[in-house]
N, C-alpha and C. Protein backbone atom coordinates (compact mmCIF):
# COMPACT_ATOMS: atom_id res chain seq x y z
N MET A 1 -45.67 12.25 -28.69
CA MET A 1 -45.20 13.24 -27.74
C MET A 1 -44.80 12.57 -26.42
N GLN A 2 -45.63 11.66 -25.90
CA GLN A 2 -45.34 10.96 -24.66
C GLN A 2 -44.08 10.10 -24.82
N PHE A 3 -43.97 9.40 -25.95
CA PHE A 3 -42.80 8.57 -26.23
C PHE A 3 -41.53 9.42 -26.23
N HIS A 4 -41.60 10.62 -26.80
CA HIS A 4 -40.46 11.53 -26.87
C HIS A 4 -39.97 11.88 -25.46
N ARG A 5 -40.87 12.18 -24.53
CA ARG A 5 -40.50 12.52 -23.15
C ARG A 5 -39.86 11.32 -22.45
N ILE A 6 -40.43 10.15 -22.66
CA ILE A 6 -39.88 8.95 -22.03
C ILE A 6 -38.47 8.68 -22.57
N ALA A 7 -38.29 8.80 -23.88
CA ALA A 7 -36.98 8.57 -24.49
C ALA A 7 -35.95 9.56 -23.96
N ILE A 8 -36.33 10.83 -23.84
CA ILE A 8 -35.41 11.84 -23.31
C ILE A 8 -35.07 11.53 -21.86
N GLY A 9 -36.04 11.11 -21.08
CA GLY A 9 -35.80 10.73 -19.68
C GLY A 9 -34.83 9.56 -19.56
N ILE A 10 -35.01 8.56 -20.40
CA ILE A 10 -34.13 7.39 -20.37
C ILE A 10 -32.71 7.77 -20.77
N VAL A 11 -32.57 8.53 -21.84
CA VAL A 11 -31.24 8.95 -22.30
C VAL A 11 -30.56 9.83 -21.25
N THR A 12 -31.30 10.75 -20.65
CA THR A 12 -30.74 11.62 -19.61
C THR A 12 -30.29 10.80 -18.41
N GLY A 13 -31.13 9.90 -17.95
CA GLY A 13 -30.78 9.05 -16.81
C GLY A 13 -29.57 8.19 -17.08
N ALA A 14 -29.53 7.58 -18.25
CA ALA A 14 -28.38 6.74 -18.62
C ALA A 14 -27.10 7.56 -18.71
N SER A 15 -27.20 8.78 -19.21
CA SER A 15 -26.03 9.65 -19.32
C SER A 15 -25.50 10.03 -17.94
N ILE A 16 -26.40 10.35 -17.03
CA ILE A 16 -25.99 10.71 -15.67
C ILE A 16 -25.32 9.52 -14.99
N ILE A 17 -25.93 8.35 -15.09
CA ILE A 17 -25.35 7.14 -14.48
C ILE A 17 -23.96 6.87 -15.07
N HIS A 18 -23.83 6.99 -16.38
CA HIS A 18 -22.53 6.76 -17.01
C HIS A 18 -21.48 7.76 -16.51
N CYS A 19 -21.82 9.03 -16.48
CA CYS A 19 -20.86 10.06 -16.07
C CYS A 19 -20.44 9.90 -14.61
N VAL A 20 -21.39 9.58 -13.73
CA VAL A 20 -21.05 9.36 -12.33
C VAL A 20 -20.09 8.18 -12.22
N GLY A 21 -20.40 7.07 -12.88
CA GLY A 21 -19.55 5.89 -12.83
C GLY A 21 -18.18 6.08 -13.47
N GLU A 22 -18.10 6.94 -14.44
CA GLU A 22 -16.84 7.16 -15.15
C GLU A 22 -15.95 8.21 -14.49
N TYR A 23 -16.56 9.23 -13.87
CA TYR A 23 -15.78 10.38 -13.39
C TYR A 23 -15.89 10.67 -11.90
N VAL A 24 -16.88 10.13 -11.20
CA VAL A 24 -17.09 10.51 -9.81
C VAL A 24 -16.89 9.34 -8.86
N ALA A 25 -17.65 8.28 -9.01
CA ALA A 25 -17.59 7.15 -8.09
C ALA A 25 -18.05 5.88 -8.78
N ASP A 26 -17.66 4.75 -8.19
CA ASP A 26 -18.03 3.46 -8.75
C ASP A 26 -18.19 2.46 -7.61
N LEU A 27 -18.96 1.42 -7.84
CA LEU A 27 -19.06 0.32 -6.88
C LEU A 27 -18.04 -0.74 -7.27
N THR A 28 -17.36 -1.29 -6.28
CA THR A 28 -16.35 -2.31 -6.52
C THR A 28 -16.56 -3.47 -5.56
N TRP A 29 -16.52 -4.69 -6.08
CA TRP A 29 -16.64 -5.88 -5.24
C TRP A 29 -15.23 -6.39 -4.97
N LEU A 30 -14.88 -6.53 -3.68
CA LEU A 30 -13.54 -6.95 -3.29
C LEU A 30 -13.58 -8.34 -2.67
N THR A 31 -12.65 -9.18 -3.07
CA THR A 31 -12.48 -10.50 -2.45
C THR A 31 -11.00 -10.72 -2.20
N GLY A 32 -10.68 -11.68 -1.39
CA GLY A 32 -9.29 -12.02 -1.13
C GLY A 32 -8.82 -11.55 0.23
N PRO A 33 -7.75 -12.16 0.73
CA PRO A 33 -7.30 -11.92 2.10
C PRO A 33 -6.31 -10.78 2.29
N SER A 34 -5.83 -10.14 1.24
CA SER A 34 -4.72 -9.21 1.40
C SER A 34 -5.03 -7.97 2.23
N MET A 35 -6.30 -7.59 2.35
CA MET A 35 -6.65 -6.39 3.12
C MET A 35 -7.33 -6.71 4.45
N LEU A 36 -7.25 -7.97 4.89
CA LEU A 36 -7.78 -8.31 6.21
C LEU A 36 -6.97 -7.59 7.28
N PRO A 37 -7.51 -7.13 8.35
CA PRO A 37 -8.91 -7.22 8.77
C PRO A 37 -9.77 -6.04 8.31
N THR A 38 -9.17 -5.08 7.60
CA THR A 38 -9.92 -3.88 7.19
C THR A 38 -11.05 -4.22 6.24
N LEU A 39 -10.77 -5.07 5.26
CA LEU A 39 -11.76 -5.45 4.25
C LEU A 39 -11.82 -6.97 4.13
N ASN A 40 -12.96 -7.47 3.67
CA ASN A 40 -13.17 -8.90 3.43
C ASN A 40 -13.15 -9.73 4.70
N SER A 41 -13.69 -9.19 5.78
CA SER A 41 -13.72 -9.94 7.03
C SER A 41 -14.67 -11.13 6.94
N GLN A 42 -15.55 -11.12 5.96
CA GLN A 42 -16.42 -12.26 5.71
C GLN A 42 -16.03 -12.85 4.36
N SER A 43 -16.14 -14.16 4.23
CA SER A 43 -15.63 -14.82 3.03
C SER A 43 -16.36 -14.44 1.74
N SER A 44 -17.54 -13.82 1.85
CA SER A 44 -18.30 -13.47 0.65
C SER A 44 -17.78 -12.23 -0.05
N GLY A 45 -16.87 -11.50 0.57
CA GLY A 45 -16.33 -10.29 -0.02
C GLY A 45 -17.09 -9.05 0.42
N ASP A 46 -16.58 -7.91 0.05
CA ASP A 46 -17.18 -6.62 0.40
C ASP A 46 -17.50 -5.85 -0.87
N VAL A 47 -18.54 -5.03 -0.80
CA VAL A 47 -18.83 -4.08 -1.86
C VAL A 47 -18.51 -2.71 -1.30
N VAL A 48 -17.68 -1.95 -2.02
CA VAL A 48 -17.24 -0.64 -1.56
C VAL A 48 -17.54 0.41 -2.61
N ILE A 49 -17.63 1.65 -2.15
CA ILE A 49 -17.71 2.78 -3.07
C ILE A 49 -16.29 3.28 -3.28
N THR A 50 -15.90 3.36 -4.53
CA THR A 50 -14.59 3.87 -4.90
C THR A 50 -14.79 5.23 -5.55
N GLU A 51 -14.22 6.27 -4.91
CA GLU A 51 -14.35 7.59 -5.53
C GLU A 51 -13.15 7.83 -6.43
N LEU A 52 -13.40 8.53 -7.54
CA LEU A 52 -12.41 8.67 -8.60
C LEU A 52 -11.78 10.05 -8.69
N VAL A 53 -12.34 11.03 -7.98
CA VAL A 53 -11.90 12.42 -8.12
C VAL A 53 -10.54 12.66 -7.47
N THR A 54 -10.33 12.11 -6.26
CA THR A 54 -9.07 12.33 -5.54
C THR A 54 -7.86 11.92 -6.37
N ARG A 55 -7.95 10.79 -7.04
CA ARG A 55 -6.84 10.33 -7.88
C ARG A 55 -6.60 11.29 -9.03
N LYS A 56 -7.68 11.71 -9.68
CA LYS A 56 -7.53 12.58 -10.85
C LYS A 56 -6.95 13.94 -10.48
N LEU A 57 -7.20 14.39 -9.25
CA LEU A 57 -6.66 15.67 -8.79
C LEU A 57 -5.30 15.51 -8.10
N HIS A 58 -4.76 14.29 -8.10
CA HIS A 58 -3.47 13.97 -7.47
C HIS A 58 -3.47 14.35 -5.99
N LEU A 59 -4.55 14.00 -5.28
CA LEU A 59 -4.68 14.31 -3.86
C LEU A 59 -4.60 13.08 -2.97
N LEU A 60 -4.21 11.94 -3.53
CA LEU A 60 -4.06 10.74 -2.71
C LEU A 60 -2.91 10.94 -1.73
N LYS A 61 -3.00 10.27 -0.58
CA LYS A 61 -1.98 10.43 0.45
C LYS A 61 -1.69 9.09 1.12
N ARG A 62 -0.62 9.06 1.92
CA ARG A 62 -0.28 7.87 2.68
C ARG A 62 -1.47 7.44 3.52
N GLY A 63 -1.74 6.15 3.53
CA GLY A 63 -2.84 5.62 4.32
C GLY A 63 -4.11 5.40 3.53
N ASP A 64 -4.24 6.02 2.36
CA ASP A 64 -5.44 5.82 1.54
C ASP A 64 -5.47 4.39 1.00
N ILE A 65 -6.66 3.80 1.00
CA ILE A 65 -6.85 2.48 0.39
C ILE A 65 -7.29 2.71 -1.04
N THR A 66 -6.60 2.05 -1.96
CA THR A 66 -6.82 2.31 -3.38
C THR A 66 -7.18 1.04 -4.15
N ILE A 67 -7.83 1.24 -5.28
CA ILE A 67 -8.02 0.18 -6.27
C ILE A 67 -7.00 0.47 -7.37
N VAL A 68 -6.25 -0.56 -7.74
CA VAL A 68 -5.12 -0.40 -8.66
C VAL A 68 -5.18 -1.48 -9.73
N ARG A 69 -4.90 -1.10 -10.97
CA ARG A 69 -4.68 -2.12 -11.99
C ARG A 69 -3.42 -2.88 -11.61
N SER A 70 -3.50 -4.18 -11.57
CA SER A 70 -2.38 -5.00 -11.12
C SER A 70 -1.13 -4.76 -11.97
N PRO A 71 0.01 -4.47 -11.32
CA PRO A 71 1.26 -4.32 -12.07
C PRO A 71 1.71 -5.63 -12.71
N GLU A 72 1.21 -6.75 -12.19
CA GLU A 72 1.60 -8.06 -12.71
C GLU A 72 0.65 -8.58 -13.79
N ASP A 73 -0.61 -8.13 -13.75
CA ASP A 73 -1.62 -8.59 -14.70
C ASP A 73 -2.57 -7.44 -15.00
N PRO A 74 -2.34 -6.69 -16.06
CA PRO A 74 -3.15 -5.50 -16.34
C PRO A 74 -4.62 -5.77 -16.60
N THR A 75 -5.01 -7.05 -16.72
CA THR A 75 -6.43 -7.37 -16.91
C THR A 75 -7.17 -7.49 -15.59
N SER A 76 -6.45 -7.42 -14.47
CA SER A 76 -7.12 -7.53 -13.17
C SER A 76 -6.76 -6.33 -12.30
N SER A 77 -7.53 -6.17 -11.23
CA SER A 77 -7.30 -5.08 -10.28
C SER A 77 -7.05 -5.65 -8.90
N CYS A 78 -6.46 -4.84 -8.05
CA CYS A 78 -6.25 -5.25 -6.66
C CYS A 78 -6.50 -4.05 -5.75
N CYS A 79 -6.62 -4.33 -4.48
CA CYS A 79 -6.89 -3.30 -3.48
C CYS A 79 -5.71 -3.27 -2.51
N LYS A 80 -5.07 -2.11 -2.38
CA LYS A 80 -3.91 -1.96 -1.50
C LYS A 80 -3.93 -0.58 -0.86
N ARG A 81 -3.18 -0.45 0.24
CA ARG A 81 -3.05 0.82 0.95
C ARG A 81 -1.75 1.51 0.53
N ILE A 82 -1.81 2.83 0.36
CA ILE A 82 -0.60 3.58 0.04
C ILE A 82 0.24 3.69 1.30
N ALA A 83 1.45 3.11 1.26
CA ALA A 83 2.35 3.15 2.41
C ALA A 83 3.40 4.26 2.26
N ALA A 84 3.73 4.62 1.03
CA ALA A 84 4.73 5.66 0.80
C ALA A 84 4.46 6.33 -0.54
N MET A 85 4.85 7.59 -0.60
CA MET A 85 4.66 8.40 -1.81
C MET A 85 6.01 8.66 -2.47
N ALA A 86 5.97 9.25 -3.64
CA ALA A 86 7.20 9.59 -4.37
C ALA A 86 8.14 10.39 -3.47
N GLY A 87 9.41 9.99 -3.46
CA GLY A 87 10.42 10.67 -2.66
C GLY A 87 10.64 10.06 -1.29
N ASP A 88 9.71 9.24 -0.81
CA ASP A 88 9.85 8.59 0.49
C ASP A 88 10.86 7.44 0.42
N LEU A 89 11.55 7.19 1.53
CA LEU A 89 12.43 6.04 1.65
C LEU A 89 11.65 4.90 2.27
N VAL A 90 11.80 3.70 1.71
CA VAL A 90 11.06 2.52 2.17
C VAL A 90 12.07 1.42 2.50
N SER A 91 11.92 0.81 3.66
CA SER A 91 12.75 -0.32 4.03
C SER A 91 12.33 -1.54 3.21
N THR A 92 13.31 -2.20 2.60
CA THR A 92 13.01 -3.38 1.77
C THR A 92 13.64 -4.65 2.33
N GLY A 93 14.27 -4.56 3.48
CA GLY A 93 14.89 -5.75 4.06
C GLY A 93 15.38 -5.48 5.47
N PRO A 94 16.00 -6.49 6.08
CA PRO A 94 16.40 -6.39 7.48
C PRO A 94 17.63 -5.52 7.72
N ASP A 95 18.47 -5.32 6.70
CA ASP A 95 19.69 -4.55 6.88
C ASP A 95 19.43 -3.05 6.80
N GLU A 96 20.34 -2.28 7.44
CA GLU A 96 20.20 -0.82 7.42
C GLU A 96 20.28 -0.25 6.01
N ASP A 97 20.98 -0.94 5.12
CA ASP A 97 21.17 -0.45 3.76
C ASP A 97 20.06 -0.88 2.80
N ASP A 98 19.10 -1.63 3.29
CA ASP A 98 18.02 -2.14 2.43
C ASP A 98 16.88 -1.12 2.34
N TYR A 99 17.13 -0.06 1.58
CA TYR A 99 16.13 0.99 1.39
C TYR A 99 16.00 1.29 -0.09
N ILE A 100 14.83 1.75 -0.45
CA ILE A 100 14.61 2.22 -1.82
C ILE A 100 13.88 3.56 -1.72
N LYS A 101 14.23 4.48 -2.60
CA LYS A 101 13.52 5.75 -2.67
C LYS A 101 12.43 5.59 -3.72
N VAL A 102 11.18 5.86 -3.33
CA VAL A 102 10.07 5.72 -4.27
C VAL A 102 10.24 6.78 -5.36
N PRO A 103 10.31 6.34 -6.63
CA PRO A 103 10.54 7.29 -7.72
C PRO A 103 9.37 8.25 -7.95
N LYS A 104 9.68 9.34 -8.60
CA LYS A 104 8.65 10.31 -8.97
C LYS A 104 7.58 9.61 -9.81
N GLY A 105 6.32 9.93 -9.53
CA GLY A 105 5.22 9.34 -10.29
C GLY A 105 4.83 7.95 -9.84
N HIS A 106 5.34 7.50 -8.69
CA HIS A 106 5.06 6.16 -8.18
C HIS A 106 4.61 6.22 -6.73
N VAL A 107 4.03 5.12 -6.27
CA VAL A 107 3.66 4.95 -4.86
C VAL A 107 4.13 3.56 -4.42
N TRP A 108 4.20 3.36 -3.11
CA TRP A 108 4.54 2.06 -2.53
C TRP A 108 3.27 1.54 -1.88
N LEU A 109 2.79 0.39 -2.36
CA LEU A 109 1.51 -0.16 -1.91
C LEU A 109 1.72 -1.41 -1.07
N LEU A 110 0.95 -1.51 0.02
CA LEU A 110 1.00 -2.69 0.89
C LEU A 110 -0.41 -3.15 1.21
N GLY A 111 -0.57 -4.46 1.37
CA GLY A 111 -1.81 -5.00 1.88
C GLY A 111 -1.80 -4.91 3.39
N ASP A 112 -2.97 -4.84 4.02
CA ASP A 112 -3.04 -4.78 5.48
C ASP A 112 -2.69 -6.12 6.13
N ASN A 113 -2.70 -7.19 5.36
CA ASN A 113 -2.40 -8.53 5.85
C ASN A 113 -1.06 -8.96 5.25
N PRO A 114 0.06 -8.58 5.88
CA PRO A 114 1.37 -8.79 5.25
C PRO A 114 1.73 -10.25 4.99
N ASP A 115 1.12 -11.17 5.73
CA ASP A 115 1.42 -12.59 5.53
C ASP A 115 0.73 -13.18 4.30
N ASP A 116 -0.25 -12.47 3.75
CA ASP A 116 -1.01 -13.01 2.62
C ASP A 116 -1.35 -11.91 1.61
N SER A 117 -0.31 -11.19 1.18
CA SER A 117 -0.53 -10.09 0.24
C SER A 117 0.63 -10.00 -0.74
N ARG A 118 0.31 -9.93 -2.02
CA ARG A 118 1.32 -9.60 -3.03
C ARG A 118 1.21 -8.09 -3.24
N ASP A 119 2.30 -7.39 -3.00
CA ASP A 119 2.26 -5.93 -3.04
C ASP A 119 3.62 -5.40 -3.44
N SER A 120 3.91 -4.15 -3.10
CA SER A 120 5.17 -3.53 -3.53
C SER A 120 6.40 -4.25 -2.99
N ARG A 121 6.26 -5.03 -1.93
CA ARG A 121 7.39 -5.83 -1.46
C ARG A 121 7.77 -6.88 -2.50
N ASP A 122 6.81 -7.26 -3.35
CA ASP A 122 7.05 -8.25 -4.40
C ASP A 122 7.36 -7.61 -5.74
N TYR A 123 6.63 -6.54 -6.11
CA TYR A 123 6.79 -5.98 -7.45
C TYR A 123 7.32 -4.55 -7.48
N GLY A 124 7.69 -4.00 -6.34
CA GLY A 124 8.32 -2.69 -6.30
C GLY A 124 7.34 -1.54 -6.39
N PRO A 125 7.86 -0.33 -6.61
CA PRO A 125 7.00 0.86 -6.70
C PRO A 125 6.00 0.72 -7.85
N VAL A 126 4.82 1.28 -7.65
CA VAL A 126 3.74 1.17 -8.63
C VAL A 126 3.48 2.54 -9.26
N PRO A 127 3.42 2.62 -10.59
CA PRO A 127 3.12 3.90 -11.23
C PRO A 127 1.77 4.46 -10.77
N TYR A 128 1.75 5.75 -10.47
CA TYR A 128 0.53 6.42 -10.01
C TYR A 128 -0.61 6.22 -11.01
N GLY A 129 -0.29 6.15 -12.27
CA GLY A 129 -1.30 6.00 -13.32
C GLY A 129 -2.07 4.69 -13.26
N LEU A 130 -1.57 3.69 -12.53
CA LEU A 130 -2.30 2.43 -12.40
C LEU A 130 -3.41 2.51 -11.35
N ILE A 131 -3.37 3.55 -10.51
CA ILE A 131 -4.42 3.71 -9.50
C ILE A 131 -5.70 4.16 -10.20
N THR A 132 -6.80 3.47 -9.91
CA THR A 132 -8.07 3.85 -10.54
C THR A 132 -9.00 4.59 -9.59
N GLY A 133 -8.82 4.45 -8.28
CA GLY A 133 -9.69 5.16 -7.36
C GLY A 133 -9.33 4.91 -5.90
N ARG A 134 -10.00 5.65 -5.01
CA ARG A 134 -9.79 5.54 -3.57
C ARG A 134 -11.03 4.94 -2.93
N VAL A 135 -10.84 3.90 -2.14
CA VAL A 135 -11.96 3.27 -1.44
C VAL A 135 -12.37 4.18 -0.29
N CYS A 136 -13.67 4.51 -0.21
CA CYS A 136 -14.10 5.44 0.84
C CYS A 136 -15.23 4.91 1.72
N PHE A 137 -16.11 4.05 1.20
CA PHE A 137 -17.23 3.52 1.99
C PHE A 137 -17.42 2.04 1.72
N LYS A 138 -17.77 1.31 2.77
CA LYS A 138 -18.18 -0.08 2.61
C LYS A 138 -19.70 -0.10 2.64
N VAL A 139 -20.32 -0.68 1.61
CA VAL A 139 -21.78 -0.72 1.55
C VAL A 139 -22.33 -2.14 1.74
N TRP A 140 -21.46 -3.15 1.64
CA TRP A 140 -21.89 -4.53 1.87
C TRP A 140 -20.75 -5.30 2.47
N PRO A 141 -20.97 -6.09 3.48
CA PRO A 141 -22.26 -6.41 4.08
C PRO A 141 -22.81 -5.23 4.88
N LEU A 142 -24.13 -5.17 4.94
CA LEU A 142 -24.80 -4.05 5.62
C LEU A 142 -24.38 -3.91 7.07
N SER A 143 -24.03 -5.02 7.72
CA SER A 143 -23.62 -4.96 9.13
C SER A 143 -22.31 -4.19 9.30
N GLU A 144 -21.56 -3.98 8.22
CA GLU A 144 -20.29 -3.25 8.29
C GLU A 144 -20.34 -1.95 7.48
N PHE A 145 -21.56 -1.49 7.15
CA PHE A 145 -21.73 -0.27 6.35
C PHE A 145 -21.04 0.89 7.05
N GLY A 146 -20.30 1.68 6.30
CA GLY A 146 -19.70 2.89 6.86
C GLY A 146 -18.45 3.32 6.14
N ARG A 147 -17.93 4.44 6.61
CA ARG A 147 -16.73 5.04 6.04
C ARG A 147 -15.52 4.15 6.33
N ILE A 148 -14.61 4.09 5.38
CA ILE A 148 -13.38 3.31 5.54
C ILE A 148 -12.23 4.27 5.75
N GLU A 149 -11.48 4.02 6.77
CA GLU A 149 -10.31 4.87 7.10
C GLU A 149 -9.04 4.15 6.71
C-alpha cells in the first residue's frame, strides 16, 4: 500500500514536470556574444526562463527576445530579438531601394550586438514555426536575476 502511494506520487510529479517543460516554460542556457549587452554579459553564459505559451497563441511582438531553431542548422538553437513582423518593411542595405517585406508567417530577427551576430541580415526572414519560445526571466547569474525586456 505504501509503495503504491509513493509510485503514484512519483508518476504524478514526473508528469507535471514534463507537461510544464513541454507546454508552459523551460530553462535555457545561453552562451555567445550576439545578444550582448542584454544577455551573456559574463563569459559563463546566462540561464533564462523561456515561456512557450505566447508563441503557441501567436502573441509574439516586435521587441520580444526569442529562442529559435537555427535556420542554418536545425540541430542547434539561437537567441534573437524580433525586429519586424510579417508585412513590415525592413531595410537591407544603404540604398533607399534596399528593402524587403517580411512575408506572411515569418519574422525578422536581429541580435542586440550587430557587430557579432548572425541573424536575418545574413539568412533573411525566419519562419514563425522555428520559434520555440520567448525569453522572459534571467535566473543565472543570480546577480542579474530578473525580468528581461
